[in-house]
Amino acid sequence: MSSHLAMVYWSGMLVLFFFWAYGIASFILDLKNKIVPGIIQYRRGRRREKAKQEQDDERDEREKQLY
């Protein structure tokens, strides 16, 4: 009876370990494939918007100087 209970216990621990390891691997893959590229794309977009805003400001300033 004791060995049967130990086998059930260790089988349960193995199942829990599998889901724990799967969760960690899934989190790492989400970081690699979704979160990091999303942050990079967001920063590129912000940089482009900032450059466009600076260009617009320079153009407005030149127009004001002409008039």
PDB file of N, CA and C in Angstrom:
ATOM      1  N   MET A   1       0.816  -1.184   0.000  1.00  0.00           N
ATOM      2  CA  MET A   1       0.000   0.000   0.000  1.00  0.00           C
ATOM      3  C   MET A   1       0.864   1.253   0.000  1.00  0.00           C
ATOM      4  N   SER A   2       1.940   1.227   0.751  1.00  0.00           N
ATOM      5  CA  SER A   2       2.809   2.388   0.857  1.00  0.00           C
ATOM      6  C   SER A   2       3.487   2.694  -0.471  1.00  0.00           C
ATOM      7  N   SER A   3       3.908   1.664  -1.191  1.00  0.00           N
ATOM      8  CA  SER A   3       4.581   1.897  -2.468  1.00  0.00           C
ATOM      9  C   SER A   3       3.580   2.432  -3.509  1.00  0.00           C
ATOM     10  N   HIS A   4       2.335   1.977  -3.406  1.00  0.00           N
ATOM     11  CA  HIS A   4       1.302   2.471  -4.320  1.00  0.00           C
ATOM     12  C   HIS A   4       1.050   3.961  -4.072  1.00  0.00           C
ATOM     13  N   LEU A   5       0.991   4.340  -2.826  1.00  0.00           N
ATOM     14  CA  LEU A   5       0.782   5.738  -2.478  1.00  0.00           C
ATOM     15  C   LEU A   5       1.969   6.597  -2.925  1.00  0.00           C
ATOM     16  N   ALA A   6       3.169   6.077  -2.784  1.00  0.00           N
ATOM     17  CA  ALA A   6       4.362   6.800  -3.226  1.00  0.00           C
ATOM     18  C   ALA A   6       4.356   6.961  -4.746  1.00  0.00           C
ATOM     19  N   MET A   7       3.933   5.934  -5.463  1.00  0.00           N
ATOM     20  CA  MET A   7       3.881   6.011  -6.917  1.00  0.00           C
ATOM     21  C   MET A   7       2.843   7.061  -7.363  1.00  0.00           C
ATOM     22  N   VAL A   8       1.704   7.106  -6.722  1.00  0.00           N
ATOM     23  CA  VAL A   8       0.692   8.115  -7.041  1.00  0.00           C
ATOM     24  C   VAL A   8       1.238   9.506  -6.736  1.00  0.00           C
ATOM     25  N   TYR A   9       1.923   9.661  -5.628  1.00  0.00           N
ATOM     26  CA  TYR A   9       2.496  10.945  -5.243  1.00  0.00           C
ATOM     27  C   TYR A   9       3.502  11.419  -6.281  1.00  0.00           C
ATOM     28  N   TRP A  10       4.454  10.530  -6.653  1.00  0.00           N
ATOM     29  CA  TRP A  10       5.481  10.920  -7.611  1.00  0.00           C
ATOM     30  C   TRP A  10       4.904  11.138  -9.007  1.00  0.00           C
ATOM     31  N   SER A  11       3.883  10.401  -9.370  1.00  0.00           N
ATOM     32  CA  SER A  11       3.212  10.624 -10.659  1.00  0.00           C
ATOM     33  C   SER A  11       2.557  11.998 -10.676  1.00  0.00           C
ATOM     34  N   GLY A  12       1.920  12.365  -9.580  1.00  0.00           N
ATOM     35  CA  GLY A  12       1.309  13.696  -9.475  1.00  0.00           C
ATOM     36  C   GLY A  12       2.351  14.797  -9.555  1.00  0.00           C
ATOM     37  N   MET A  13       3.481  14.583  -8.883  1.00  0.00           N
ATOM     38  CA  MET A  13       4.556  15.573  -8.938  1.00  0.00           C
ATOM     39  C   MET A  13       5.098  15.718 -10.363  1.00  0.00           C
ATOM     40  N   LEU A  14       5.205  14.605 -11.087  1.00  0.00           N
ATOM     41  CA  LEU A  14       5.679  14.638 -12.467  1.00  0.00           C
ATOM     42  C   LEU A  14       4.711  15.420 -13.354  1.00  0.00           C
ATOM     43  N   VAL A  15       3.415  15.204 -13.170  1.00  0.00           N
ATOM     44  CA  VAL A  15       2.414  15.943 -13.952  1.00  0.00           C
ATOM     45  C   VAL A  15       2.500  17.431 -13.635  1.00  0.00           C
ATOM     46  N   LEU A  16       2.596  17.772 -12.354  1.00  0.00           N
ATOM     47  CA  LEU A  16       2.701  19.184 -11.977  1.00  0.00           C
ATOM     48  C   LEU A  16       3.981  19.808 -12.518  1.00  0.00           C
ATOM     49  N   PHE A  17       5.081  19.055 -12.489  1.00  0.00           N
ATOM     50  CA  PHE A  17       6.334  19.563 -13.036  1.00  0.00           C
ATOM     51  C   PHE A  17       6.202  19.816 -14.529  1.00  0.00           C
ATOM     52  N   PHE A  18       5.512  18.937 -15.249  1.00  0.00           N
ATOM     53  CA  PHE A  18       5.321  19.119 -16.685  1.00  0.00           C
ATOM     54  C   PHE A  18       4.597  20.439 -16.954  1.00  0.00           C
ATOM     55  N   PHE A  19       3.507  20.717 -16.252  1.00  0.00           N
ATOM     56  CA  PHE A  19       2.777  21.958 -16.488  1.00  0.00           C
ATOM     57  C   PHE A  19       3.575  23.186 -16.056  1.00  0.00           C
ATOM     58  N   TRP A  20       4.374  23.048 -15.010  1.00  0.00           N
ATOM     59  CA  TRP A  20       5.239  24.144 -14.563  1.00  0.00           C
ATOM     60  C   TRP A  20       6.273  24.471 -15.639  1.00  0.00           C
ATOM     61  N   ALA A  21       6.931  23.419 -16.162  1.00  0.00           N
ATOM     62  CA  ALA A  21       7.940  23.614 -17.202  1.00  0.00           C
ATOM     63  C   ALA A  21       7.291  24.144 -18.480  1.00  0.00           C
ATOM     64  N   TYR A  22       6.112  23.658 -18.828  1.00  0.00           N
ATOM     65  CA  TYR A  22       5.406  24.135 -20.008  1.00  0.00           C
ATOM     66  C   TYR A  22       5.058  25.622 -19.863  1.00  0.00           C
ATOM     67  N   GLY A  23       4.660  26.032 -18.685  1.00  0.00           N
ATOM     68  CA  GLY A  23       4.339  27.433 -18.438  1.00  0.00           C
ATOM     69  C   GLY A  23       5.550  28.334 -18.594  1.00  0.00           C
ATOM     70  N   ILE A  24       6.677  27.914 -18.075  1.00  0.00           N
ATOM     71  CA  ILE A  24       7.913  28.701 -18.211  1.00  0.00           C
ATOM     72  C   ILE A  24       8.326  28.797 -19.678  1.00  0.00           C
ATOM     73  N   ALA A  25       8.294  27.673 -20.397  1.00  0.00           N
ATOM     74  CA  ALA A  25       8.674  27.679 -21.811  1.00  0.00           C
ATOM     75  C   ALA A  25       7.714  28.542 -22.622  1.00  0.00           C
ATOM     76  N   SER A  26       6.434  28.466 -22.329  1.00  0.00           N
ATOM     77  CA  SER A  26       5.445  29.271 -23.034  1.00  0.00           C
ATOM     78  C   SER A  26       5.675  30.757 -22.778  1.00  0.00           C
ATOM     79  N   PHE A  27       5.992  31.124 -21.548  1.00  0.00           N
ATOM     80  CA  PHE A  27       6.268  32.512 -21.213  1.00  0.00           C
ATOM     81  C   PHE A  27       7.488  33.026 -21.970  1.00  0.00           C
ATOM     82  N   ILE A  28       8.535  32.232 -22.034  1.00  0.00           N
ATOM     83  CA  ILE A  28       9.756  32.633 -22.743  1.00  0.00           C
ATOM     84  C   ILE A  28       9.469  32.806 -24.233  1.00  0.00           C
ATOM     85  N   LEU A  29       8.714  31.893 -24.811  1.00  0.00           N
ATOM     86  CA  LEU A  29       8.385  32.018 -26.230  1.00  0.00           C
ATOM     87  C   LEU A  29       7.491  33.229 -26.491  1.00  0.00           C
ATOM     88  N   ASP A  30       6.568  33.525 -25.576  1.00  0.00           N
ATOM     89  CA  ASP A  30       5.746  34.733 -25.720  1.00  0.00           C
ATOM     90  C   ASP A  30       6.618  35.976 -25.678  1.00  0.00           C
ATOM     91  N   LEU A  31       7.575  36.003 -24.765  1.00  0.00           N
ATOM     92  CA  LEU A  31       8.489  37.139 -24.714  1.00  0.00           C
ATOM     93  C   LEU A  31       9.229  37.301 -26.033  1.00  0.00           C
ATOM     94  N   LYS A  32       9.764  36.193 -26.522  1.00  0.00           N
ATOM     95  CA  LYS A  32      10.577  36.230 -27.738  1.00  0.00           C
ATOM     96  C   LYS A  32       9.760  36.599 -28.972  1.00  0.00           C
ATOM     97  N   ASN A  33       8.560  36.072 -29.088  1.00  0.00           N
ATOM     98  CA  ASN A  33       7.796  36.217 -30.321  1.00  0.00           C
ATOM     99  C   ASN A  33       6.761  37.332 -30.316  1.00  0.00           C
ATOM    100  N   LYS A  34       6.347  37.817 -29.154  1.00  0.00           N
ATOM    101  CA  LYS A  34       5.279  38.818 -29.117  1.00  0.00           C
ATOM    102  C   LYS A  34       5.667  40.089 -28.384  1.00  0.00           C
ATOM    103  N   ILE A  35       6.159  39.952 -27.186  1.00  0.00           N
ATOM    104  CA  ILE A  35       6.362  41.126 -26.340  1.00  0.00           C
ATOM    105  C   ILE A  35       7.551  41.945 -26.799  1.00  0.00           C
ATOM    106  N   VAL A  36       8.700  41.311 -27.002  1.00  0.00           N
ATOM    107  CA  VAL A  36       9.898  42.047 -27.426  1.00  0.00           C
ATOM    108  C   VAL A  36       9.696  42.689 -28.802  1.00  0.00           C
ATOM    109  N   PRO A  37       9.182  41.973 -29.820  1.00  0.00           N
ATOM    110  CA  PRO A  37       8.937  42.640 -31.101  1.00  0.00           C
ATOM    111  C   PRO A  37       7.910  43.778 -30.983  1.00  0.00           C
ATOM    112  N   GLY A  38       6.920  43.621 -30.135  1.00  0.00           N
ATOM    113  CA  GLY A  38       5.944  44.687 -29.935  1.00  0.00           C
ATOM    114  C   GLY A  38       6.567  45.934 -29.341  1.00  0.00           C
ATOM    115  N   ILE A  39       7.456  45.756 -28.385  1.00  0.00           N
ATOM    116  CA  ILE A  39       8.145  46.899 -27.776  1.00  0.00           C
ATOM    117  C   ILE A  39       9.042  47.575 -28.808  1.00  0.00           C
ATOM    118  N   ILE A  40       9.745  46.781 -29.602  1.00  0.00           N
ATOM    119  CA  ILE A  40      10.620  47.343 -30.626  1.00  0.00           C
ATOM    120  C   ILE A  40       9.802  48.122 -31.648  1.00  0.00           C
ATOM    121  N   GLN A  41       8.683  47.572 -32.082  1.00  0.00           N
ATOM    122  CA  GLN A  41       7.833  48.260 -33.050  1.00  0.00           C
ATOM    123  C   GLN A  41       7.265  49.550 -32.458  1.00  0.00           C
ATOM    124  N   TYR A  42       6.867  49.514 -31.201  1.00  0.00           N
ATOM    125  CA  TYR A  42       6.345  50.706 -30.534  1.00  0.00           C
ATOM    126  C   TYR A  42       7.414  51.806 -30.485  1.00  0.00           C
ATOM    127  N   ARG A  43       8.639  51.430 -30.117  1.00  0.00           N
ATOM    128  CA  ARG A  43       9.718  52.419 -30.033  1.00  0.00           C
ATOM    129  C   ARG A  43      10.057  52.993 -31.401  1.00  0.00           C
ATOM    130  N   ARG A  44      10.044  52.148 -32.466  1.00  0.00           N
ATOM    131  CA  ARG A  44      10.276  52.651 -33.816  1.00  0.00           C
ATOM    132  C   ARG A  44       9.204  53.656 -34.213  1.00  0.00           C
ATOM    133  N   GLY A  45       7.968  53.340 -33.912  1.00  0.00           N
ATOM    134  CA  GLY A  45       6.877  54.246 -34.244  1.00  0.00           C
ATOM    135  C   GLY A  45       7.000  55.569 -33.516  1.00  0.00           C
ATOM    136  N   ARG A  46       7.359  55.521 -32.239  1.00  0.00           N
ATOM    137  CA  ARG A  46       7.543  56.754 -31.470  1.00  0.00           C
ATOM    138  C   ARG A  46       8.680  57.578 -32.052  1.00  0.00           C
ATOM    139  N   ARG A  47       9.770  56.900 -32.452  1.00  0.00           N
ATOM    140  CA  ARG A  47      10.913  57.597 -33.037  1.00  0.00           C
ATOM    141  C   ARG A  47      10.514  58.265 -34.352  1.00  0.00           C
ATOM    142  N   ARG A  48       9.740  57.551 -35.176  1.00  0.00           N
ATOM    143  CA  ARG A  48       9.280  58.131 -36.445  1.00  0.00           C
ATOM    144  C   ARG A  48       8.375  59.332 -36.206  1.00  0.00           C
ATOM    145  N   GLU A  49       7.455  59.203 -35.244  1.00  0.00           N
ATOM    146  CA  GLU A  49       6.568  60.328 -34.939  1.00  0.00           C
ATOM    147  C   GLU A  49       7.359  61.540 -34.457  1.00  0.00           C
ATOM    148  N   LYS A  50       8.363  61.297 -33.640  1.00  0.00           N
ATOM    149  CA  LYS A  50       9.180  62.390 -33.131  1.00  0.00           C
ATOM    150  C   LYS A  50       9.945  63.067 -34.265  1.00  0.00           C
ATOM    151  N   ALA A  51      10.517  62.265 -35.172  1.00  0.00           N
ATOM    152  CA  ALA A  51      11.248  62.826 -36.308  1.00  0.00           C
ATOM    153  C   ALA A  51      10.310  63.618 -37.215  1.00  0.00           C
ATOM    154  N   LYS A  52       9.103  63.100 -37.432  1.00  0.00           N
ATOM    155  CA  LYS A  52       8.137  63.805 -38.273  1.00  0.00           C
ATOM    156  C   LYS A  52       7.715  65.112 -37.612  1.00  0.00           C
ATOM    157  N   GLN A  53       7.520  65.095 -36.303  1.00  0.00           N
ATOM    158  CA  GLN A  53       7.144  66.305 -35.576  1.00  0.00           C
ATOM    159  C   GLN A  53       8.260  67.354 -35.661  1.00  0.00           C
ATOM    160  N   GLU A  54       9.506  66.907 -35.519  1.00  0.00           N
ATOM    161  CA  GLU A  54      10.627  67.841 -35.635  1.00  0.00           C
ATOM    162  C   GLU A  54      10.710  68.428 -37.041  1.00  0.00           C
ATOM    163  N   GLN A  55      10.462  67.588 -38.056  1.00  0.00           N
ATOM    164  CA  GLN A  55      10.456  68.078 -39.429  1.00  0.00           C
ATOM    165  C   GLN A  55       9.360  69.124 -39.631  1.00  0.00           C
ATOM    166  N   ASP A  56       8.182  68.830 -39.102  1.00  0.00           N
ATOM    167  CA  ASP A  56       7.071  69.784 -39.226  1.00  0.00           C
ATOM    168  C   ASP A  56       7.390  71.092 -38.514  1.00  0.00           C
ATOM    169  N   ASP A  57       7.993  70.993 -37.335  1.00  0.00           N
ATOM    170  CA  ASP A  57       8.359  72.196 -36.590  1.00  0.00           C
ATOM    171  C   ASP A  57       9.381  73.033 -37.366  1.00  0.00           C
ATOM    172  N   GLU A  58      10.376  72.367 -37.956  1.00  0.00           N
ATOM    173  CA  GLU A  58      11.386  73.083 -38.743  1.00  0.00           C
ATOM    174  C   GLU A  58      10.744  73.757 -39.962  1.00  0.00           C
ATOM    175  N   ARG A  59       9.834  73.048 -40.624  1.00  0.00           N
ATOM    176  CA  ARG A  59       9.170  73.607 -41.791  1.00  0.00           C
ATOM    177  C   ARG A  59       8.318  74.820 -41.390  1.00  0.00           C
ATOM    178  N   ASP A  60       7.598  74.710 -40.274  1.00  0.00           N
ATOM    179  CA  ASP A  60       6.800  75.839 -39.779  1.00  0.00           C
ATOM    180  C   ASP A  60       7.691  77.028 -39.438  1.00  0.00           C
ATOM    181  N   GLU A  61       8.818  76.745 -38.820  1.00  0.00           N
ATOM    182  CA  GLU A  61       9.744  77.823 -38.459  1.00  0.00           C
ATOM    183  C   GLU A  61      10.280  78.528 -39.710  1.00  0.00           C
ATOM    184  N   ARG A  62      10.651  77.754 -40.739  1.00  0.00           N
ATOM    185  CA  ARG A  62      11.122  78.355 -41.995  1.00  0.00           C
ATOM    186  C   ARG A  62      10.021  79.189 -42.655  1.00  0.00           C
ATOM    187  N   GLU A  63       8.787  78.699 -42.614  1.00  0.00           N
ATOM    188  CA  GLU A  63       7.678  79.449 -43.195  1.00  0.00           C
ATOM    189  C   GLU A  63       7.449  80.758 -42.460  1.00  0.00           C
ATOM    190  N   LYS A  64       7.573  80.729 -41.125  1.00  0.00           N
ATOM    191  CA  LYS A  64       7.399  81.943 -40.343  1.00  0.00           C
ATOM    192  C   LYS A  64       8.504  82.948 -40.664  1.00  0.00           C
ATOM    193  N   GLN A  65       9.712  82.449 -40.884  1.00  0.00           N
ATOM    194  CA  GLN A  65      10.825  83.353 -41.198  1.00  0.00           C
ATOM    195  C   GLN A  65      10.658  83.972 -42.578  1.00  0.00           C
ATOM    196  N   LEU A  66       9.999  83.271 -43.492  1.00  0.00           N
ATOM    197  CA  LEU A  66       9.812  83.806 -44.824  1.00  0.00           C
ATOM    198  C   LEU A  66       8.770  84.927 -44.856  1.00  0.00           C
ATOM    199  N   TYR A  67       7.808  84.900 -43.955  1.00  0.00           N
ATOM    200  CA  TYR A  67       6.745  85.912 -43.975  1.00  0.00           C
ATOM    201  C   TYR A  67       6.977  87.023 -43.021  1.00  0.00           C
TER     202      TYR A  67
END
